[in-house]
C-alpha atoms as a PDB file:
ATOM      1  CA  MET A   1      72.472 130.570  90.169  1.00  0.00           C
ATOM      2  CA  ILE A   2      73.028 128.055  87.557  1.00  0.00           C
ATOM      3  CA  LEU A   3      76.850 128.706  87.429  1.00  0.00           C
ATOM      4  CA  LEU A   4      76.809 128.065  91.361  1.00  0.00           C
ATOM      5  CA  ARG A   5      74.578 124.718  90.890  1.00  0.00           C
ATOM      6  CA  ASP A   6      76.934 123.742  87.934  1.00  0.00           C
ATOM      7  CA  PHE A   7      79.790 124.314  90.269  1.00  0.00           C
ATOM      8  CA  ALA A   8      78.516 122.371  93.235  1.00  0.00           C
ATOM      9  CA  LEU A   9      77.130 119.286  90.926  1.00  0.00           C
ATOM     10  CA  TYR A  10      80.257 118.684  88.596  1.00  0.00           C
ATOM     11  CA  VAL A  11      83.420 120.659  89.763  1.00  0.00           C
ATOM     12  CA  LEU A  12      83.042 120.095  93.573  1.00  0.00           C
ATOM     13  CA  PRO A  13      82.608 115.965  93.404  1.00  0.00           C
ATOM     14  CA  VAL A  14      85.716 116.077  91.200  1.00  0.00           C
ATOM     15  CA  LEU A  15      88.185 118.041  93.334  1.00  0.00           C
ATOM     16  CA  ILE A  16      86.750 115.973  96.534  1.00  0.00           C
ATOM     17  CA  ALA A  17      87.869 112.765  94.659  1.00  0.00           C
ATOM     18  CA  LEU A  18      91.250 114.326  93.260  1.00  0.00           C
ATOM     19  CA  GLY A  19      91.782 115.033  97.071  1.00  0.00           C
ATOM     20  CA  GLY A  20      91.044 111.696  97.921  1.00  0.00           C
ATOM     21  CA  TRP A  21      93.166 110.246  95.417  1.00  0.00           C
ATOM     22  CA  LEU A  22      96.221 112.602  96.168  1.00  0.00           C
ATOM     23  CA  HIS A  23      95.880 111.728  99.941  1.00  0.00           C
ATOM     24  CA  ALA A  24      95.979 107.774  99.180  1.00  0.00           C
ATOM     25  CA  PHE A  25      98.990 108.460  97.141  1.00  0.00           C
ATOM     26  CA  SER A  26     100.646 110.189  99.822  1.00  0.00           C
ATOM     27  CA  LEU A  27      99.795 107.463 102.346  1.00  0.00           C
ATOM     28  CA  ARG A  28     101.234 104.897  99.935  1.00  0.00           C
ATOM     29  CA  LYS A  29     104.355 106.723  99.273  1.00  0.00           C
ATOM     30  CA  GLN A  30     105.123 107.021 102.944  1.00  0.00           C
ATOM     31  CA  ALA A  31     104.421 103.093 103.534  1.00  0.00           C
ATOM     32  CA  ARG A  32     106.732 102.336 100.882  1.00  0.00           C
ATOM     33  CA  ARG A  33     109.560 104.615 102.505  1.00  0.00           C
ATOM     34  CA  SER A  34     108.913 102.989 105.898  1.00  0.00           C
ATOM     35  CA  CYS A  35     108.861  99.701 104.287  1.00  0.00           C
ATOM     36  CA  ALA A  36     112.158  99.973 102.534  1.00  0.00           C
ATOM     37  CA  HIS A  37     113.912 101.881 105.516  1.00  0.00           C
ATOM     38  CA  SER A  38     113.069  98.586 107.343  1.00  0.00           C
ATOM     39  CA  SER A  39     114.100  96.520 105.000  1.00  0.00           C
ATOM     40  CA  ARG A  40     117.447  98.072 104.285  1.00  0.00           C
ATOM     41  CA  ALA A  41     119.473  96.043 106.715  1.00  0.00           C
ATOM     42  CA  GLN A  42     118.036  92.708 105.301  1.00  0.00           C
ATOM     43  CA  ILE A  43     119.246  93.641 101.858  1.00  0.00           C
ATOM     44  CA  ALA A  44     122.816  94.668 102.903  1.00  0.00           C
ATOM     45  CA  LEU A  45     123.316  91.152 103.878  1.00  0.00           C
ATOM     46  CA  THR A  46     124.462  89.023 101.178  1.00  0.00           C
ATOM     47  CA  PRO A  47     122.410  85.405 100.831  1.00  0.00           C
ATOM     48  CA  ARG A  48     125.294  83.758 102.113  1.00  0.00           C
ATOM     49  CA  ARG A  49     125.489  86.043 105.352  1.00  0.00           C
ATOM     50  CA  ALA A  50     121.687  85.702 105.793  1.00  0.00           C
ATOM     51  CA  MET A  51     121.773  82.220 105.533  1.00  0.00           C
ATOM     52  CA  GLU A  52     124.521  82.029 108.335  1.00  0.00           C
ATOM     53  CA  ARG A  53     122.653  84.454 110.587  1.00  0.00           C
ATOM     54  CA  THR A  54     119.758  82.238 110.193  1.00  0.00           C
ATOM     55  CA  LEU A  55     121.272  79.002 110.979  1.00  0.00           C
ATOM     56  CA  THR A  56     123.136  80.484 113.780  1.00  0.00           C
ATOM     57  CA  VAL A  57     119.739  82.220 115.303  1.00  0.00           C
ATOM     58  CA  ARG A  58     118.184  78.501 115.145  1.00  0.00           C
ATOM     59  CA  ARG A  59     121.679  77.000 116.592  1.00  0.00           C
ATOM     60  CA  ASN A  60     121.181  79.215 119.601  1.00  0.00           C
ATOM     61  CA  LYS A  61     117.428  78.587 119.924  1.00  0.00           C
ATOM     62  CA  MET A  62     118.063  74.792 119.879  1.00  0.00           C
ATOM     63  CA  ALA A  63     120.590  75.265 122.507  1.00  0.00           C
ATOM     64  CA  HIS A  64     118.376  76.874 124.781  1.00  0.00           C
ATOM     65  CA  ASN A  65     115.554  74.451 124.098  1.00  0.00           C
ATOM     66  CA  LEU A  66     118.201  71.518 124.771  1.00  0.00           C
ATOM     67  CA  ASP A  67     119.378  73.113 128.105  1.00  0.00           C
ATOM     68  CA  GLU A  68     115.984  73.566 129.345  1.00  0.00           C
ATOM     69  CA  LEU A  69     115.180  70.097 128.655  1.00  0.00           C
ATOM     70  CA  ASN A  70     118.353  68.976 130.633  1.00  0.00           C
ATOM     71  CA  SER A  71     117.246  71.127 133.502  1.00  0.00           C
ATOM     72  CA  SER A  72     113.848  69.627 133.744  1.00  0.00           C
ATOM     73  CA  VAL A  73     115.049  66.212 133.354  1.00  0.00           C
ATOM     74  CA  ALA A  74     117.725  66.768 136.221  1.00  0.00           C
ATOM     75  CA  THR A  75     114.762  68.510 138.065  1.00  0.00           C
ATOM     76  CA  ARG A  76     112.262  65.333 137.505  1.00  0.00           C
ATOM     77  CA  ASP A  77     115.068  63.114 138.488  1.00  0.00           C
ATOM     78  CA  SER A  78     115.837  64.776 141.706  1.00  0.00           C
ATOM     79  CA  GLU A  79     112.278  64.745 142.675  1.00  0.00           C
ATOM     80  CA  THR A  80     112.266  61.121 141.792  1.00  0.00           C
ATOM     81  CA  SER A  81     115.071  60.014 143.819  1.00  0.00           C
ATOM     82  CA  ALA A  82     113.596  62.291 146.896  1.00  0.00           C
ATOM     83  CA  LEU A  83     110.818  60.316 146.955  1.00  0.00           C
ATOM     84  CA  GLN A  84     112.373  57.223 146.970  1.00  0.00           C
END
């Protein structure tokens, strides 16, 4: 009976804590793998190519915004001339 009580008081909590730590480490390893997998494409780019890619994306966004601005100005001008 004393052996069962000692097991319940000392060994069982250690086993449960050990299982929790193992589970936490497996989740951490899994998260590292998924993070490394998503960043491999970015690592493959050299800094120069990454900068060129960033600049291209920004130029495209600026061109799109400029087109929207020009179309809104043209719409406003046509509405103004229609009212006169």
